C-alpha atoms as a PDB file:
ATOM      1  CA  MET A   1     121.788  66.566 -31.276  1.00  0.00           C
ATOM      2  CA  PHE A   2     121.463  65.196 -34.803  1.00  0.00           C
ATOM      3  CA  ILE A   3     120.438  67.414 -37.670  1.00  0.00           C
ATOM      4  CA  VAL A   4     116.877  66.535 -38.688  1.00  0.00           C
ATOM      5  CA  ALA A   5     117.688  66.849 -42.396  1.00  0.00           C
ATOM      6  CA  LEU A   6     120.282  64.075 -42.061  1.00  0.00           C
ATOM      7  CA  TYR A   7     118.636  62.042 -39.344  1.00  0.00           C
ATOM      8  CA  PRO A   8     114.869  62.356 -39.641  1.00  0.00           C
ATOM      9  CA  PHE A   9     114.184  59.050 -37.863  1.00  0.00           C
ATOM     10  CA  TRP A  10     112.973  60.727 -34.677  1.00  0.00           C
ATOM     11  CA  ILE A  11     109.725  61.284 -36.608  1.00  0.00           C
ATOM     12  CA  LEU A  12     109.349  57.537 -37.088  1.00  0.00           C
ATOM     13  CA  LYS A  13     110.066  56.970 -33.390  1.00  0.00           C
ATOM     14  CA  ASN A  14     107.257  59.296 -32.408  1.00  0.00           C
ATOM     15  CA  GLU A  15     104.883  57.585 -34.816  1.00  0.00           C
ATOM     16  CA  ILE A  16     105.731  54.183 -33.392  1.00  0.00           C
ATOM     17  CA  GLN A  17     105.013  55.278 -29.840  1.00  0.00           C
ATOM     18  CA  GLU A  18     101.641  56.746 -30.807  1.00  0.00           C
ATOM     19  CA  GLY A  19     100.543  53.538 -32.510  1.00  0.00           C
ATOM     20  CA  GLU A  20     101.565  51.072 -29.850  1.00  0.00           C
ATOM     21  CA  GLY A  21      98.310  51.274 -27.917  1.00  0.00           C
ATOM     22  CA  ARG A  22      96.223  49.284 -30.351  1.00  0.00           C
ATOM     23  CA  LYS A  23      98.468  48.257 -33.222  1.00  0.00           C
ATOM     24  CA  LEU A  24     101.288  46.354 -31.518  1.00  0.00           C
ATOM     25  CA  ALA A  25     101.622  42.707 -32.497  1.00  0.00           C
ATOM     26  CA  LEU A  26     103.922  40.416 -30.536  1.00  0.00           C
ATOM     27  CA  THR A  27     106.435  37.913 -31.835  1.00  0.00           C
ATOM     28  CA  LEU A  28     106.231  34.189 -30.995  1.00  0.00           C
ATOM     29  CA  GLU A  29     109.162  34.654 -28.654  1.00  0.00           C
ATOM     30  CA  GLN A  30     107.326  37.372 -26.705  1.00  0.00           C
ATOM     31  CA  ILE A  31     104.146  35.307 -26.558  1.00  0.00           C
ATOM     32  CA  GLY A  32     106.245  32.451 -25.186  1.00  0.00           C
ATOM     33  CA  GLN A  33     107.580  34.766 -22.488  1.00  0.00           C
ATOM     34  CA  ILE A  34     104.028  35.636 -21.499  1.00  0.00           C
ATOM     35  CA  ALA A  35     102.973  31.969 -21.482  1.00  0.00           C
ATOM     36  CA  ARG A  36     105.835  31.113 -19.123  1.00  0.00           C
ATOM     37  CA  TYR A  37     105.434  34.139 -16.862  1.00  0.00           C
ATOM     38  CA  GLU A  38     104.564  33.531 -13.195  1.00  0.00           C
ATOM     39  CA  ASP A  39     104.516  35.874 -10.222  1.00  0.00           C
ATOM     40  CA  GLY A  40     103.182  33.376  -7.730  1.00  0.00           C
ATOM     41  CA  THR A  41      99.555  34.554  -7.748  1.00  0.00           C
ATOM     42  CA  ASP A  42      96.491  32.788  -9.079  1.00  0.00           C
ATOM     43  CA  THR A  43      95.057  36.078 -10.320  1.00  0.00           C
ATOM     44  CA  THR A  44      97.967  36.749 -12.650  1.00  0.00           C
ATOM     45  CA  THR A  45      97.956  33.170 -13.904  1.00  0.00           C
ATOM     46  CA  LYS A  46      94.210  33.289 -14.564  1.00  0.00           C
ATOM     47  CA  TYR A  47      94.198  36.542 -16.547  1.00  0.00           C
ATOM     48  CA  ARG A  48      97.364  35.509 -18.375  1.00  0.00           C
ATOM     49  CA  ASP A  49      95.603  32.308 -19.385  1.00  0.00           C
ATOM     50  CA  TYR A  50      92.489  34.185 -20.474  1.00  0.00           C
ATOM     51  CA  TRP A  51      94.640  36.414 -22.671  1.00  0.00           C
ATOM     52  CA  LEU A  52      96.383  33.378 -24.150  1.00  0.00           C
ATOM     53  CA  PHE A  53      93.015  31.808 -24.879  1.00  0.00           C
ATOM     54  CA  LEU A  54      91.996  34.917 -26.829  1.00  0.00           C
ATOM     55  CA  TYR A  55      95.204  34.525 -28.873  1.00  0.00           C
ATOM     56  CA  PHE A  56      94.778  30.769 -29.447  1.00  0.00           C
ATOM     57  CA  CYS A  57      91.107  31.174 -30.309  1.00  0.00           C
ATOM     58  CA  ASN A  58      91.774  33.080 -33.553  1.00  0.00           C
ATOM     59  CA  GLY A  59      92.194  36.345 -31.687  1.00  0.00           C
ATOM     60  CA  ILE A  60      88.589  36.180 -30.512  1.00  0.00           C
ATOM     61  CA  ASN A  61      87.083  39.452 -29.215  1.00  0.00           C
ATOM     62  CA  VAL A  62      86.252  39.555 -25.512  1.00  0.00           C
ATOM     63  CA  ALA A  63      82.564  40.157 -26.284  1.00  0.00           C
ATOM     64  CA  ASP A  64      82.498  36.816 -28.118  1.00  0.00           C
ATOM     65  CA  PHE A  65      84.759  35.037 -25.610  1.00  0.00           C
ATOM     66  CA  VAL A  66      82.506  35.653 -22.626  1.00  0.00           C
ATOM     67  CA  LYS A  67      79.504  34.187 -24.526  1.00  0.00           C
ATOM     68  CA  LEU A  68      81.186  30.928 -25.488  1.00  0.00           C
ATOM     69  CA  LYS A  69      79.231  27.917 -24.250  1.00  0.00           C
ATOM     70  CA  TYR A  70      79.997  24.207 -24.233  1.00  0.00           C
ATOM     71  CA  ASP A  71      77.257  23.988 -26.865  1.00  0.00           C
ATOM     72  CA  ASN A  72      79.714  25.836 -29.161  1.00  0.00           C
ATOM     73  CA  ILE A  73      82.095  22.859 -29.020  1.00  0.00           C
ATOM     74  CA  VAL A  74      81.534  20.239 -31.705  1.00  0.00           C
ATOM     75  CA  ASN A  75      83.959  17.367 -32.335  1.00  0.00           C
ATOM     76  CA  GLY A  76      86.814  19.107 -30.596  1.00  0.00           C
ATOM     77  CA  GLU A  77      86.324  22.461 -32.287  1.00  0.00           C
ATOM     78  CA  ILE A  78      84.752  25.743 -31.147  1.00  0.00           C
ATOM     79  CA  TYR A  79      82.222  27.355 -33.513  1.00  0.00           C
ATOM     80  CA  PHE A  80      81.098  30.940 -33.007  1.00  0.00           C
ATOM     81  CA  VAL A  81      79.838  33.971 -34.924  1.00  0.00           C
ATOM     82  CA  ARG A  82      81.452  37.376 -34.283  1.00  0.00           C
ATOM     83  CA  GLN A  83      79.041  39.691 -32.483  1.00  0.00           C
ATOM     84  CA  LYS A  84      80.585  42.619 -34.376  1.00  0.00           C
ATOM     85  CA  THR A  85      79.422  41.346 -37.762  1.00  0.00           C
ATOM     86  CA  GLU A  86      76.489  39.044 -36.878  1.00  0.00           C
ATOM     87  CA  HIS A  87      73.821  41.632 -37.655  1.00  0.00           C
ATOM     88  CA  ARG A  88      75.704  43.595 -40.323  1.00  0.00           C
ATOM     89  CA  THR A  89      75.805  41.033 -43.070  1.00  0.00           C
ATOM     90  CA  ARG A  90      73.243  38.888 -44.833  1.00  0.00           C
ATOM     91  CA  THR A  91      75.254  35.685 -44.523  1.00  0.00           C
ATOM     92  CA  ARG A  92      76.036  34.168 -41.144  1.00  0.00           C
ATOM     93  CA  LYS A  93      79.838  33.705 -41.126  1.00  0.00           C
ATOM     94  CA  GLU A  94      80.791  31.054 -38.597  1.00  0.00           C
ATOM     95  CA  ILE A  95      84.359  30.807 -37.286  1.00  0.00           C
ATOM     96  CA  CYS A  96      85.799  27.386 -36.467  1.00  0.00           C
ATOM     97  CA  VAL A  97      88.735  26.931 -34.071  1.00  0.00           C
ATOM     98  CA  PRO A  98      90.311  23.545 -33.297  1.00  0.00           C
ATOM     99  CA  ILE A  99      90.806  23.219 -29.517  1.00  0.00           C
ATOM    100  CA  SER A 100      94.540  22.900 -29.016  1.00  0.00           C
ATOM    101  CA  SER A 101      96.131  21.292 -25.944  1.00  0.00           C
ATOM    102  CA  PRO A 102      96.889  24.700 -24.315  1.00  0.00           C
ATOM    103  CA  MET A 103      93.263  25.770 -24.876  1.00  0.00           C
ATOM    104  CA  ARG A 104      92.008  22.553 -23.295  1.00  0.00           C
ATOM    105  CA  GLU A 105      94.268  23.046 -20.286  1.00  0.00           C
ATOM    106  CA  ILE A 106      92.946  26.587 -19.789  1.00  0.00           C
ATOM    107  CA  ILE A 107      89.351  25.339 -19.966  1.00  0.00           C
ATOM    108  CA  ASP A 108      90.094  22.568 -17.485  1.00  0.00           C
ATOM    109  CA  ARG A 109      91.823  25.001 -15.123  1.00  0.00           C
ATOM    110  CA  TRP A 110      89.408  27.936 -15.143  1.00  0.00           C
ATOM    111  CA  GLY A 111      86.240  26.795 -16.899  1.00  0.00           C
ATOM    112  CA  ASN A 112      82.772  25.912 -15.633  1.00  0.00           C
ATOM    113  CA  PRO A 113      81.718  22.244 -15.389  1.00  0.00           C
ATOM    114  CA  PRO A 114      81.371  20.899 -18.973  1.00  0.00           C
ATOM    115  CA  GLU A 115      77.595  20.647 -19.017  1.00  0.00           C
ATOM    116  CA  LYS A 116      75.190  21.487 -21.829  1.00  0.00           C
ATOM    117  CA  GLY A 117      74.060  25.104 -21.671  1.00  0.00           C
ATOM    118  CA  ASN A 118      76.918  26.213 -19.443  1.00  0.00           C
ATOM    119  CA  TYR A 119      79.202  29.059 -20.422  1.00  0.00           C
ATOM    120  CA  ILE A 120      82.751  27.751 -20.868  1.00  0.00           C
ATOM    121  CA  PHE A 121      84.157  30.404 -18.570  1.00  0.00           C
ATOM    122  CA  PRO A 122      82.514  31.871 -15.441  1.00  0.00           C
ATOM    123  CA  ILE A 123      82.216  35.474 -16.585  1.00  0.00           C
ATOM    124  CA  LEU A 124      78.476  35.609 -17.331  1.00  0.00           C
ATOM    125  CA  ARG A 125      75.716  33.763 -15.514  1.00  0.00           C
ATOM    126  CA  GLY A 126      73.104  33.812 -18.267  1.00  0.00           C
ATOM    127  CA  HIS A 127      70.391  35.956 -16.686  1.00  0.00           C
ATOM    128  CA  GLU A 128      71.986  39.343 -17.411  1.00  0.00           C
ATOM    129  CA  THR A 129      70.272  42.032 -19.416  1.00  0.00           C
ATOM    130  CA  GLU A 130      72.139  43.351 -22.437  1.00  0.00           C
ATOM    131  CA  LEU A 131      73.268  46.362 -20.407  1.00  0.00           C
ATOM    132  CA  GLU A 132      74.523  44.180 -17.562  1.00  0.00           C
ATOM    133  CA  ARG A 133      76.310  41.875 -20.014  1.00  0.00           C
ATOM    134  CA  ASN A 134      78.040  44.854 -21.633  1.00  0.00           C
ATOM    135  CA  LYS A 135      79.137  46.184 -18.239  1.00  0.00           C
ATOM    136  CA  LYS A 136      80.548  42.805 -17.207  1.00  0.00           C
ATOM    137  CA  THR A 137      82.355  42.468 -20.515  1.00  0.00           C
ATOM    138  CA  LYS A 138      83.956  45.890 -20.155  1.00  0.00           C
ATOM    139  CA  TYR A 139      84.985  45.228 -16.554  1.00  0.00           C
ATOM    140  CA  PHE A 140      86.432  41.847 -17.530  1.00  0.00           C
ATOM    141  CA  THR A 141      88.347  43.453 -20.415  1.00  0.00           C
ATOM    142  CA  ARG A 142      89.793  46.088 -18.078  1.00  0.00           C
ATOM    143  CA  SER A 143      90.778  43.358 -15.605  1.00  0.00           C
ATOM    144  CA  ILE A 144      92.671  41.437 -18.296  1.00  0.00           C
ATOM    145  CA  ASN A 145      94.356  44.598 -19.594  1.00  0.00           C
ATOM    146  CA  ARG A 146      95.476  45.721 -16.168  1.00  0.00           C
ATOM    147  CA  ARG A 147      97.014  42.350 -15.365  1.00  0.00           C
ATOM    148  CA  MET A 148      98.599  42.041 -18.818  1.00  0.00           C
ATOM    149  CA  GLN A 149     100.091  45.499 -18.430  1.00  0.00           C
ATOM    150  CA  SER A 150     101.818  44.418 -15.236  1.00  0.00           C
ATOM    151  CA  ILE A 151     103.105  41.288 -17.017  1.00  0.00           C
ATOM    152  CA  SER A 152     104.374  43.241 -20.017  1.00  0.00           C
ATOM    153  CA  ASP A 153     106.051  45.773 -17.725  1.00  0.00           C
ATOM    154  CA  ALA A 154     107.844  42.954 -15.886  1.00  0.00           C
ATOM    155  CA  LEU A 155     108.951  41.401 -19.188  1.00  0.00           C
ATOM    156  CA  GLY A 156     109.781  44.704 -20.856  1.00  0.00           C
ATOM    157  CA  ILE A 157     107.906  43.912 -24.063  1.00  0.00           C
ATOM    158  CA  GLY A 158     105.782  47.011 -24.432  1.00  0.00           C
ATOM    159  CA  PRO A 159     102.007  47.503 -24.163  1.00  0.00           C
ATOM    160  CA  VAL A 160      99.879  44.328 -24.213  1.00  0.00           C
ATOM    161  CA  SER A 161      96.071  44.302 -24.250  1.00  0.00           C
ATOM    162  CA  THR A 162      93.206  42.162 -25.461  1.00  0.00           C
ATOM    163  CA  TYR A 163      93.607  43.861 -28.855  1.00  0.00           C
ATOM    164  CA  THR A 164      97.208  42.670 -28.929  1.00  0.00           C
ATOM    165  CA  ALA A 165      96.057  39.061 -28.754  1.00  0.00           C
ATOM    166  CA  ARG A 166      94.031  39.457 -31.962  1.00  0.00           C
ATOM    167  CA  HIS A 167      96.741  41.430 -33.725  1.00  0.00           C
ATOM    168  CA  SER A 168      99.386  38.885 -32.742  1.00  0.00           C
ATOM    169  CA  PHE A 169      97.303  35.939 -33.935  1.00  0.00           C
ATOM    170  CA  ALA A 170      97.031  37.503 -37.375  1.00  0.00           C
ATOM    171  CA  THR A 171     100.655  38.622 -37.733  1.00  0.00           C
ATOM    172  CA  VAL A 172     102.174  35.358 -36.417  1.00  0.00           C
ATOM    173  CA  LEU A 173     100.251  33.492 -39.123  1.00  0.00           C
ATOM    174  CA  LYS A 174     101.205  36.070 -41.734  1.00  0.00           C
ATOM    175  CA  ARG A 175     104.905  35.893 -40.893  1.00  0.00           C
ATOM    176  CA  SER A 176     104.785  32.091 -40.979  1.00  0.00           C
ATOM    177  CA  GLY A 177     103.576  32.187 -44.598  1.00  0.00           C
ATOM    178  CA  THR A 178      99.899  31.398 -43.983  1.00  0.00           C
ATOM    179  CA  SER A 179      97.645  32.484 -46.845  1.00  0.00           C
ATOM    180  CA  ILE A 180      95.690  35.722 -46.547  1.00  0.00           C
ATOM    181  CA  ALA A 181      92.516  33.787 -47.367  1.00  0.00           C
ATOM    182  CA  TYR A 182      92.947  31.506 -44.343  1.00  0.00           C
ATOM    183  CA  ILE A 183      93.763  34.418 -42.014  1.00  0.00           C
ATOM    184  CA  SER A 184      90.726  36.318 -43.322  1.00  0.00           C
ATOM    185  CA  GLU A 185      88.434  33.347 -42.662  1.00  0.00           C
ATOM    186  CA  SER A 186      89.948  32.775 -39.229  1.00  0.00           C
ATOM    187  CA  LEU A 187      89.435  36.419 -38.204  1.00  0.00           C
ATOM    188  CA  GLY A 188      85.856  36.426 -39.498  1.00  0.00           C
ATOM    189  CA  HIS A 189      86.471  39.218 -41.994  1.00  0.00           C
ATOM    190  CA  GLN A 190      83.923  39.586 -44.767  1.00  0.00           C
ATOM    191  CA  ASN A 191      86.471  39.926 -47.572  1.00  0.00           C
ATOM    192  CA  LEU A 192      90.179  39.642 -48.341  1.00  0.00           C
ATOM    193  CA  LYS A 193      90.591  43.395 -48.775  1.00  0.00           C
ATOM    194  CA  THR A 194      89.615  43.979 -45.151  1.00  0.00           C
ATOM    195  CA  THR A 195      92.303  41.510 -44.048  1.00  0.00           C
ATOM    196  CA  GLU A 196      94.936  42.993 -46.359  1.00  0.00           C
ATOM    197  CA  ASN A 197      94.297  46.448 -44.941  1.00  0.00           C
ATOM    198  CA  TYR A 198      94.304  45.047 -41.414  1.00  0.00           C
ATOM    199  CA  LEU A 199      97.685  43.387 -41.886  1.00  0.00           C
ATOM    200  CA  ALA A 200      99.185  46.322 -43.798  1.00  0.00           C
ATOM    201  CA  SER A 201      99.125  48.485 -40.666  1.00  0.00           C
ATOM    202  CA  PHE A 202     101.321  45.963 -38.809  1.00  0.00           C
ATOM    203  CA  GLU A 203     103.685  45.600 -41.750  1.00  0.00           C
ATOM    204  CA  ARG A 204     104.133  49.358 -41.851  1.00  0.00           C
ATOM    205  CA  GLU A 205     104.734  49.405 -38.119  1.00  0.00           C
ATOM    206  CA  GLU A 206     107.364  46.687 -38.479  1.00  0.00           C
ATOM    207  CA  ARG A 207     109.133  48.664 -41.195  1.00  0.00           C
ATOM    208  CA  ALA A 208     109.099  51.788 -39.042  1.00  0.00           C
ATOM    209  CA  LYS A 209     110.541  49.877 -36.067  1.00  0.00           C
ATOM    210  CA  ASN A 210     113.316  48.431 -38.219  1.00  0.00           C
ATOM    211  CA  ALA A 211     114.141  51.893 -39.592  1.00  0.00           C
ATOM    212  CA  GLU A 212     114.313  53.278 -36.081  1.00  0.00           C
ATOM    213  CA  LEU A 213     116.724  50.512 -35.030  1.00  0.00           C
ATOM    214  CA  LEU A 214     119.201  51.814 -37.595  1.00  0.00           C
ATOM    215  CA  THR A 215     119.550  55.055 -35.624  1.00  0.00           C
ATOM    216  CA  ARG A 216     120.668  53.474 -32.348  1.00  0.00           C
ATOM    217  CA  PHE A 217     124.327  54.422 -32.450  1.00  0.00           C
END
């Protein structure tokens, strides 16, 4: 047993474990592992692809993902407004996401027929009340999270959820040298300070992880 005064890193280890539920961001290597993962079932492939779409689509929230329609696609790009901020600000902040080849493949594989007025993905039908839509969204989120947990367990990469897709989108761009202004716009944040605070939590987590690595002897 190490003396705490000399080896206080167990405190950091505990803090890391407590924060992994919502704050974990994956590396590109780990995201690649997820993208290549197969267990032979269509269900796993489908929910894996849905999770990847969240990541590719600027870390879009599930509530916004389920409402995407083909009408949101203009000249090869998806335009949407975050439900979370749509009614909280005076200006309507639209997010624009170029449709990459992997996104197009996911749409072709699991999407509805590309007709005007159709939802891109068959989660909602269009006649739901707000309460029914919220219930379907929550159930869909739980379904993704359960399947992603089984994938992450198989890969040994720690907790993965729909939140992780958004966190990973932001941190991958940050680590690649992308400007805070671009990341902020891509996430739909209202100001740079919000984005700086958002990213700071992951940077602190990364520092804590690295510090904990130094104690593995």
